[in-house]
C-alpha atoms as a PDB file:
ATOM      1  CA  MET A   1      36.902-100.794-173.624  1.00  0.00           C
ATOM      2  CA  SER A   2      36.376-100.108-177.307  1.00  0.00           C
ATOM      3  CA  GLY A   3      32.991-101.743-177.553  1.00  0.00           C
ATOM      4  CA  LEU A   4      34.061-105.204-178.641  1.00  0.00           C
ATOM      5  CA  GLN A   5      32.254-107.890-176.960  1.00  0.00           C
ATOM      6  CA  GLN A   6      33.262-111.605-176.580  1.00  0.00           C
ATOM      7  CA  PRO A   7      30.854-113.816-178.473  1.00  0.00           C
ATOM      8  CA  LYS A   8      28.723-116.022-176.252  1.00  0.00           C
ATOM      9  CA  PRO A   9      29.526-119.703-176.260  1.00  0.00           C
ATOM     10  CA  THR A  10      26.923-121.759-178.196  1.00  0.00           C
ATOM     11  CA  THR A  11      25.331-124.743-176.659  1.00  0.00           C
ATOM     12  CA  LYS A  12      27.305-127.160-178.378  1.00  0.00           C
ATOM     13  CA  VAL A  13      30.634-125.651-176.899  1.00  0.00           C
ATOM     14  CA  LYS A  14      29.178-125.750-173.499  1.00  0.00           C
ATOM     15  CA  TYR A  15      28.448-129.519-173.730  1.00  0.00           C
ATOM     16  CA  MET A  16      31.767-130.149-175.265  1.00  0.00           C
ATOM     17  CA  MET A  17      33.551-128.370-172.305  1.00  0.00           C
ATOM     18  CA  LEU A  18      31.174-130.175-169.954  1.00  0.00           C
ATOM     19  CA  ALA A  19      32.139-133.527-171.550  1.00  0.00           C
ATOM     20  CA  GLU A  20      35.734-132.736-171.246  1.00  0.00           C
ATOM     21  CA  ILE A  21      35.462-132.065-167.630  1.00  0.00           C
ATOM     22  CA  TYR A  22      33.308-135.193-166.858  1.00  0.00           C
ATOM     23  CA  GLY A  23      35.503-137.356-169.164  1.00  0.00           C
ATOM     24  CA  ASN A  24      38.504-136.896-167.064  1.00  0.00           C
ATOM     25  CA  VAL A  25      36.683-137.586-163.588  1.00  0.00           C
ATOM     26  CA  HIS A  26      36.700-141.167-164.164  1.00  0.00           C
ATOM     27  CA  ILE A  27      40.563-141.094-164.362  1.00  0.00           C
ATOM     28  CA  GLY A  28      40.851-139.449-161.104  1.00  0.00           C
ATOM     29  CA  LEU A  29      38.395-141.924-159.452  1.00  0.00           C
ATOM     30  CA  ALA A  30      40.260-144.854-160.836  1.00  0.00           C
ATOM     31  CA  PHE A  31      43.582-143.812-159.649  1.00  0.00           C
ATOM     32  CA  GLY A  32      42.233-142.562-156.297  1.00  0.00           C
ATOM     33  CA  GLY A  33      40.621-146.081-155.930  1.00  0.00           C
ATOM     34  CA  ALA A  34      43.784-147.819-156.913  1.00  0.00           C
ATOM     35  CA  ALA A  35      45.814-145.609-154.344  1.00  0.00           C
ATOM     36  CA  ILE A  36      43.410-146.654-151.584  1.00  0.00           C
ATOM     37  CA  GLY A  37      43.690-150.400-152.771  1.00  0.00           C
ATOM     38  CA  ILE A  38      47.406-150.258-152.775  1.00  0.00           C
ATOM     39  CA  GLY A  39      47.446-148.627-149.137  1.00  0.00           C
ATOM     40  CA  LEU A  40      45.136-151.478-147.876  1.00  0.00           C
ATOM     41  CA  ALA A  41      47.183-154.188-149.538  1.00  0.00           C
ATOM     42  CA  ALA A  42      50.250-152.755-147.844  1.00  0.00           C
ATOM     43  CA  ALA A  43      48.845-152.390-144.637  1.00  0.00           C
ATOM     44  CA  GLY A  44      47.499-155.838-144.588  1.00  0.00           C
ATOM     45  CA  GLY A  45      50.932-157.123-145.807  1.00  0.00           C
ATOM     46  CA  VAL A  46      52.624-155.501-142.996  1.00  0.00           C
ATOM     47  CA  VAL A  47      50.203-156.910-140.397  1.00  0.00           C
ATOM     48  CA  ALA A  48      50.465-160.393-141.795  1.00  0.00           C
ATOM     49  CA  ILE A  49      54.260-160.377-141.993  1.00  0.00           C
ATOM     50  CA  SER A  50      54.401-159.073-138.233  1.00  0.00           C
ATOM     51  CA  ARG A  51      52.292-161.876-137.183  1.00  0.00           C
ATOM     52  CA  ASN A  52      54.067-164.595-139.059  1.00  0.00           C
ATOM     53  CA  PRO A  53      57.532-163.528-140.227  1.00  0.00           C
ATOM     54  CA  ALA A  54      58.474-167.019-141.413  1.00  0.00           C
ATOM     55  CA  GLN A  55      56.050-166.634-144.311  1.00  0.00           C
ATOM     56  CA  PHE A  56      57.432-163.446-145.628  1.00  0.00           C
ATOM     57  CA  GLY A  57      58.064-164.713-149.242  1.00  0.00           C
ATOM     58  CA  LYS A  58      54.331-166.031-149.724  1.00  0.00           C
ATOM     59  CA  ILE A  59      52.880-162.903-148.043  1.00  0.00           C
ATOM     60  CA  PHE A  60      55.119-160.566-150.032  1.00  0.00           C
ATOM     61  CA  MET A  61      54.140-162.216-153.474  1.00  0.00           C
ATOM     62  CA  VAL A  62      50.411-162.000-152.673  1.00  0.00           C
ATOM     63  CA  LEU A  63      51.024-158.406-151.508  1.00  0.00           C
ATOM     64  CA  LEU A  64      52.792-157.401-154.745  1.00  0.00           C
ATOM     65  CA  LEU A  65      50.062-159.227-156.856  1.00  0.00           C
ATOM     66  CA  GLY A  66      47.349-157.464-155.116  1.00  0.00           C
ATOM     67  CA  MET A  67      49.076-153.964-155.699  1.00  0.00           C
ATOM     68  CA  ALA A  68      49.696-154.819-159.337  1.00  0.00           C
ATOM     69  CA  MET A  69      45.931-155.859-159.986  1.00  0.00           C
ATOM     70  CA  ALA A  70      44.737-152.575-158.317  1.00  0.00           C
ATOM     71  CA  GLU A  71      47.132-150.523-160.365  1.00  0.00           C
ATOM     72  CA  GLY A  72      45.979-152.469-163.498  1.00  0.00           C
ATOM     73  CA  MET A  73      42.480-151.834-163.101  1.00  0.00           C
ATOM     74  CA  ALA A  74      43.343-148.077-162.901  1.00  0.00           C
ATOM     75  CA  PHE A  75      45.298-148.224-166.112  1.00  0.00           C
ATOM     76  CA  LEU A  76      42.434-150.200-167.749  1.00  0.00           C
ATOM     77  CA  ALA A  77      40.205-147.448-166.748  1.00  0.00           C
ATOM     78  CA  TYR A  78      42.599-144.835-168.203  1.00  0.00           C
ATOM     79  CA  VAL A  79      42.937-146.587-171.418  1.00  0.00           C
ATOM     80  CA  LEU A  80      39.685-148.233-172.335  1.00  0.00           C
ATOM     81  CA  ILE A  81      37.043-145.967-170.883  1.00  0.00           C
ATOM     82  CA  PRO A  82      37.827-142.910-173.070  1.00  0.00           C
ATOM     83  CA  LYS A  83      37.782-145.170-176.303  1.00  0.00           C
ATOM     84  CA  ALA A  84      34.484-146.784-175.229  1.00  0.00           C
ATOM     85  CA  GLY A  85      32.802-143.450-175.243  1.00  0.00           C
ATOM     86  CA  LEU A  86      31.424-143.786-171.787  1.00  0.00           C
END
């Protein structure tokens, strides 16, 4: 090469990059937890409906409510935590 060297990143740049990485970890964890919660709700709903098919409407309503709450918590983590600076 022609002898040009890349400038070394300062400490401030290193911390900003580290904050950027850790700032997005909470989003992955929140949506991963929501996916697990939705899967568990669906599995429980299938088992409950298979045991008592006559209660399909009530079970399905509670199943959808549980799924919506799990997904809602993930969206709250996606929207609110970055604005809170945590």
